[in-house]
């Protein structure tokens, strides 16, 4: 398998593991020195960034707040060491957070830029847009 194909397979595997609703996806998919950046959202107006340990903490909170969360890959493009994903992220809020109330279905369209080295993610940038729940 070529490196570009390995990176695509690793990105798909990461989404597959994310959808299992455990935390193993962070440890399996990310290099120890990985950098994660999430641009501002209504629930985190300053955005978030940190390393693999911080991403794991965020993922743990996400499992509590959205225990049914799922991502679907809508588009995937690979070039060199990068994989770009367009994702449909859905979940139901288990607790109120910001202007999202408990029990509300939540949906984001996400553009994710992943950079790989030796089969692991070393940089991850998310651009998320909250989609009204009555939109397609």
Protein backbone atom coordinates (compact mmCIF):
# COMPACT_ATOMS: atom_id res chain seq x y z
CA UNK A 1 0.00 0.00 0.00
CA UNK A 2 1.31 3.46 -0.89
CA UNK A 3 1.71 6.08 1.90
CA UNK A 4 -1.18 8.13 0.52
CA UNK A 5 -3.42 5.02 0.64
CA UNK A 6 -2.19 4.25 4.17
CA UNK A 7 -3.11 7.78 5.30
CA UNK A 8 -6.59 7.47 3.79
CA UNK A 9 -7.12 4.10 5.46
CA UNK A 10 -5.87 5.50 8.80
CA UNK A 11 -8.29 8.46 8.55
CA UNK A 12 -11.21 6.14 7.79
CA UNK A 13 -10.19 3.87 10.68
CA UNK A 14 -10.07 6.87 13.04
CA UNK A 15 -13.68 7.79 12.18
CA UNK A 16 -14.71 4.15 12.55
CA UNK A 17 -13.12 4.01 16.03
CA UNK A 18 -14.67 7.39 16.99
CA UNK A 19 -18.09 5.97 16.12
CA UNK A 20 -17.57 3.07 18.55
CA UNK A 21 -18.01 5.66 21.32
CA UNK A 22 -14.90 4.79 23.30
CA UNK A 23 -11.69 6.76 23.87
CA UNK A 24 -9.38 4.26 22.19
CA UNK A 25 -9.51 6.22 18.91
CA UNK A 26 -7.32 8.98 20.37
CA UNK A 27 -4.57 6.64 21.57
CA UNK A 28 -4.62 4.51 18.40
CA UNK A 29 -4.80 7.30 15.80
CA UNK A 30 -2.65 10.12 17.20
CA UNK A 31 1.11 10.40 17.65
CA UNK A 32 2.25 11.23 21.21
CA UNK A 33 3.32 14.69 20.01
CA UNK A 34 0.15 15.37 17.99
CA UNK A 35 -1.38 18.85 17.88
CA UNK A 36 -5.16 19.33 17.80
CA UNK A 37 -6.85 22.62 16.90
CA UNK A 38 -10.58 23.30 16.88
CA UNK A 39 -11.59 26.72 15.63
CA UNK A 40 -14.24 28.71 17.57
CA UNK A 41 -17.72 27.28 18.10
CA UNK A 42 -20.79 28.57 19.95
CA UNK A 43 -19.86 26.23 22.83
CA UNK A 44 -16.17 27.30 22.81
CA UNK A 45 -15.96 30.86 21.42
CA UNK A 46 -12.18 31.01 21.82
CA UNK A 47 -11.68 27.65 20.11
CA UNK A 48 -9.57 24.89 21.60
CA UNK A 49 -6.11 23.50 21.03
CA UNK A 50 -3.67 21.16 22.67
CA UNK A 51 -1.88 17.88 22.39
CA UNK A 52 -3.04 14.28 22.43
CA UNK A 53 -3.71 14.27 26.18
CA UNK A 54 -5.90 17.37 25.87
CA UNK A 55 -7.77 15.87 22.90
CA UNK A 56 -8.41 12.77 25.01
CA UNK A 57 -9.89 14.97 27.79
CA UNK A 58 -12.13 16.75 25.27
CA UNK A 59 -13.19 13.39 23.80
CA UNK A 60 -14.07 12.14 27.28
CA UNK A 61 -16.28 15.21 27.94
CA UNK A 62 -17.85 14.75 24.50
CA UNK A 63 -18.84 11.17 25.36
CA UNK A 64 -20.62 12.44 28.47
CA UNK A 65 -22.34 15.36 26.72
CA UNK A 66 -23.22 13.46 23.53
CA UNK A 67 -23.21 9.72 24.32
CA UNK A 68 -24.85 8.88 20.97
CA UNK A 69 -22.56 11.04 18.78
CA UNK A 70 -21.65 9.74 15.30
CA UNK A 71 -19.69 11.04 12.33
CA UNK A 72 -20.25 10.20 8.69
CA UNK A 73 -17.65 10.85 6.02
CA UNK A 74 -19.22 12.88 3.21
CA UNK A 75 -16.01 13.61 1.29
CA UNK A 76 -12.37 12.60 1.62
CA UNK A 77 -9.38 13.98 -0.29
CA UNK A 78 -5.77 12.88 0.12
CA UNK A 79 -2.61 14.59 -1.00
CA UNK A 80 0.83 13.67 0.22
CA UNK A 81 0.80 13.42 4.01
CA UNK A 82 -2.58 15.15 4.34
CA UNK A 83 -6.15 13.89 4.41
CA UNK A 84 -9.07 16.32 4.30
CA UNK A 85 -12.47 15.12 5.43
CA UNK A 86 -15.92 16.64 5.19
CA UNK A 87 -17.91 15.14 8.02
CA UNK A 88 -21.51 15.12 9.19
CA UNK A 89 -21.43 15.06 13.01
CA UNK A 90 -24.66 14.26 14.89
CA UNK A 91 -25.56 13.74 18.51
CA UNK A 92 -28.15 14.42 21.18
CA UNK A 93 -27.19 16.66 24.09
CA UNK A 94 -27.36 14.72 27.36
CA UNK A 95 -26.88 17.95 29.35
CA UNK A 96 -27.24 21.64 28.64
CA UNK A 97 -24.11 23.39 27.37
CA UNK A 98 -24.13 27.03 26.31
CA UNK A 99 -27.26 27.63 24.25
CA UNK A 100 -27.71 23.89 23.56
CA UNK A 101 -30.31 22.37 25.89
CA UNK A 102 -30.42 18.78 27.11
CA UNK A 103 -32.32 16.48 24.78
CA UNK A 104 -31.70 18.69 21.75
CA UNK A 105 -30.42 16.96 18.61
CA UNK A 106 -27.22 18.67 17.48
CA UNK A 107 -25.57 18.57 14.08
CA UNK A 108 -22.30 19.98 12.80
CA UNK A 109 -20.73 20.01 9.36
CA UNK A 110 -17.00 19.61 9.92
CA UNK A 111 -14.00 20.16 7.68
CA UNK A 112 -11.08 18.25 9.18
CA UNK A 113 -7.49 18.58 8.01
CA UNK A 114 -5.23 15.74 9.15
CA UNK A 115 -1.46 15.54 8.70
CA UNK A 116 0.13 12.10 9.05
CA UNK A 117 3.62 10.88 9.85
CA UNK A 118 4.41 7.17 10.03
CA UNK A 119 0.72 6.26 9.96
CA UNK A 120 -0.30 8.49 12.88
CA UNK A 121 -1.97 11.89 13.01
CA UNK A 122 0.52 14.60 13.98
CA UNK A 123 -1.71 17.61 13.31
CA UNK A 124 -5.50 17.89 13.29
CA UNK A 125 -7.46 21.06 12.53
CA UNK A 126 -11.27 21.21 12.73
CA UNK A 127 -13.54 23.84 11.20
CA UNK A 128 -17.05 23.17 12.56
CA UNK A 129 -20.35 24.79 11.60
CA UNK A 130 -23.46 24.24 13.69
CA UNK A 131 -26.31 23.19 11.40
CA UNK A 132 -29.88 24.02 12.44
CA UNK A 133 -31.59 20.73 13.29
CA UNK A 134 -34.33 21.35 10.73
CA UNK A 135 -31.79 21.80 7.88
CA UNK A 136 -30.70 19.09 5.46
